[in-house]
C-alpha atoms as a PDB file:
ATOM      1  CA  MET A   1       4.947 -42.646 -60.476  1.00  0.00           C
ATOM      2  CA  SER A   2       1.371 -43.400 -61.457  1.00  0.00           C
ATOM      3  CA  GLU A   3       0.433 -44.875 -64.804  1.00  0.00           C
ATOM      4  CA  THR A   4      -1.035 -41.514 -65.862  1.00  0.00           C
ATOM      5  CA  GLN A   5       2.217 -39.746 -64.993  1.00  0.00           C
ATOM      6  CA  LEU A   6       4.266 -42.337 -66.842  1.00  0.00           C
ATOM      7  CA  GLU A   7       2.043 -42.030 -69.925  1.00  0.00           C
ATOM      8  CA  GLN A   8       2.420 -38.226 -69.856  1.00  0.00           C
ATOM      9  CA  VAL A   9       6.206 -38.445 -69.586  1.00  0.00           C
ATOM     10  CA  GLN A  10       6.486 -41.011 -72.366  1.00  0.00           C
ATOM     11  CA  ALA A  11       4.207 -39.073 -74.717  1.00  0.00           C
ATOM     12  CA  ASN A  12       6.058 -35.820 -74.047  1.00  0.00           C
ATOM     13  CA  TYR A  13       9.487 -37.369 -74.517  1.00  0.00           C
ATOM     14  CA  LYS A  14       8.508 -39.139 -77.741  1.00  0.00           C
ATOM     15  CA  ALA A  15       7.105 -35.898 -79.196  1.00  0.00           C
ATOM     16  CA  PHE A  16      10.153 -33.969 -78.012  1.00  0.00           C
ATOM     17  CA  GLU A  17      12.571 -36.382 -79.707  1.00  0.00           C
ATOM     18  CA  LYS A  18      10.739 -35.962 -83.022  1.00  0.00           C
ATOM     19  CA  ILE A  19      10.826 -32.159 -83.034  1.00  0.00           C
ATOM     20  CA  LEU A  20      14.215 -31.643 -81.369  1.00  0.00           C
ATOM     21  CA  PRO A  21      16.116 -30.944 -84.626  1.00  0.00           C
ATOM     22  CA  THR A  22      13.727 -28.105 -85.473  1.00  0.00           C
ATOM     23  CA  LEU A  23      14.057 -26.596 -81.981  1.00  0.00           C
ATOM     24  CA  LEU A  24      17.845 -26.485 -81.816  1.00  0.00           C
ATOM     25  CA  PRO A  25      18.511 -23.490 -84.085  1.00  0.00           C
ATOM     26  CA  GLN A  26      16.297 -21.092 -82.141  1.00  0.00           C
ATOM     27  CA  HIS A  27      15.966 -22.630 -78.660  1.00  0.00           C
ATOM     28  CA  ALA A  28      19.252 -24.454 -77.912  1.00  0.00           C
ATOM     29  CA  GLY A  29      20.063 -24.373 -74.202  1.00  0.00           C
ATOM     30  CA  LYS A  30      16.499 -23.504 -73.200  1.00  0.00           C
ATOM     31  CA  PHE A  31      14.017 -25.700 -71.355  1.00  0.00           C
ATOM     32  CA  ALA A  32      10.688 -26.767 -72.841  1.00  0.00           C
ATOM     33  CA  LEU A  33       7.658 -27.144 -70.604  1.00  0.00           C
ATOM     34  CA  MET A  34       5.524 -29.923 -72.098  1.00  0.00           C
ATOM     35  CA  ARG A  35       2.051 -31.308 -71.587  1.00  0.00           C
ATOM     36  CA  ASN A  36       0.052 -33.731 -73.738  1.00  0.00           C
ATOM     37  CA  ALA A  37       2.978 -34.077 -76.190  1.00  0.00           C
ATOM     38  CA  VAL A  38       2.960 -30.340 -76.923  1.00  0.00           C
ATOM     39  CA  ILE A  39       5.458 -27.661 -75.929  1.00  0.00           C
ATOM     40  CA  VAL A  40       3.628 -25.106 -73.827  1.00  0.00           C
ATOM     41  CA  GLU A  41       6.453 -22.602 -73.454  1.00  0.00           C
ATOM     42  CA  PHE A  42      10.251 -22.187 -73.443  1.00  0.00           C
ATOM     43  CA  PHE A  43      12.265 -21.040 -70.411  1.00  0.00           C
ATOM     44  CA  ASP A  44      15.846 -20.018 -69.679  1.00  0.00           C
ATOM     45  CA  THR A  45      16.152 -22.209 -66.572  1.00  0.00           C
ATOM     46  CA  VAL A  46      14.817 -25.582 -65.507  1.00  0.00           C
ATOM     47  CA  ARG A  47      13.559 -23.955 -62.311  1.00  0.00           C
ATOM     48  CA  ASP A  48      11.480 -21.403 -64.211  1.00  0.00           C
ATOM     49  CA  ALA A  49       9.980 -24.151 -66.378  1.00  0.00           C
ATOM     50  CA  TYR A  50       9.199 -26.320 -63.350  1.00  0.00           C
ATOM     51  CA  VAL A  51       7.578 -23.477 -61.381  1.00  0.00           C
ATOM     52  CA  ALA A  52       5.482 -22.507 -64.412  1.00  0.00           C
ATOM     53  CA  GLY A  53       4.385 -26.134 -64.808  1.00  0.00           C
ATOM     54  CA  GLN A  54       3.362 -26.276 -61.162  1.00  0.00           C
ATOM     55  CA  ASN A  55       1.357 -23.070 -61.511  1.00  0.00           C
ATOM     56  CA  LEU A  56      -0.270 -23.882 -64.849  1.00  0.00           C
ATOM     57  CA  PHE A  57      -1.130 -27.496 -64.071  1.00  0.00           C
ATOM     58  CA  LYS A  58      -1.734 -27.399 -60.326  1.00  0.00           C
ATOM     59  CA  GLU A  59      -4.943 -29.434 -60.571  1.00  0.00           C
ATOM     60  CA  ASP A  60      -3.215 -32.631 -61.709  1.00  0.00           C
ATOM     61  CA  GLY A  61       0.475 -31.670 -61.878  1.00  0.00           C
ATOM     62  CA  LEU A  62       1.001 -33.536 -65.139  1.00  0.00           C
ATOM     63  CA  PHE A  63       3.816 -31.978 -67.155  1.00  0.00           C
ATOM     64  CA  SER A  64       7.447 -32.521 -67.973  1.00  0.00           C
ATOM     65  CA  VAL A  65      10.475 -30.375 -68.716  1.00  0.00           C
ATOM     66  CA  GLN A  66      13.108 -31.115 -71.359  1.00  0.00           C
ATOM     67  CA  GLU A  67      16.374 -29.333 -72.025  1.00  0.00           C
ATOM     68  CA  ILE A  68      16.913 -28.469 -75.677  1.00  0.00           C
ATOM     69  CA  VAL A  69      20.336 -29.889 -76.487  1.00  0.00           C
ATOM     70  CA  GLU A  70      21.822 -31.979 -79.327  1.00  0.00           C
ATOM     71  CA  ALA A  71      20.768 -35.287 -77.772  1.00  0.00           C
ATOM     72  CA  PRO A  72      17.755 -35.573 -75.460  1.00  0.00           C
ATOM     73  CA  VAL A  73      18.841 -35.769 -71.835  1.00  0.00           C
ATOM     74  CA  ASP A  74      16.998 -37.356 -68.944  1.00  0.00           C
ATOM     75  CA  LEU A  75      16.794 -34.569 -66.364  1.00  0.00           C
ATOM     76  CA  GLY A  76      15.843 -37.023 -63.645  1.00  0.00           C
ATOM     77  CA  PHE A  77      13.117 -35.576 -61.468  1.00  0.00           C
ATOM     78  CA  PHE A  78      12.542 -32.633 -63.817  1.00  0.00           C
ATOM     79  CA  SER A  79      11.924 -34.731 -66.912  1.00  0.00           C
ATOM     80  CA  HIS A  80       9.094 -36.616 -65.270  1.00  0.00           C
ATOM     81  CA  ALA A  81       5.507 -35.615 -64.782  1.00  0.00           C
ATOM     82  CA  VAL A  82       5.003 -34.446 -61.237  1.00  0.00           C
ATOM     83  CA  SER A  83       1.813 -35.070 -59.331  1.00  0.00           C
ATOM     84  CA  GLN A  84       0.702 -32.674 -56.621  1.00  0.00           C
ATOM     85  CA  ARG A  85      -1.288 -35.409 -54.907  1.00  0.00           C
END
């Protein structure tokens, strides 16, 4: 993972942790597509969020996906920014 990817993942995760309590009532069980520490959109499946991230950010592939659950969960590959290069 490049430094840029790592920075994107860390920024997204930090922002996600802060706003998680406000997301739970309306979005529990969904998946948040994130870029630049901002939620871009919510999805019902991790696959849908990942595919949308690939399509929206195909130039640099920098995004991450987080599941909205009580405690933040590392989704492995899906919680990390993915580069298309």
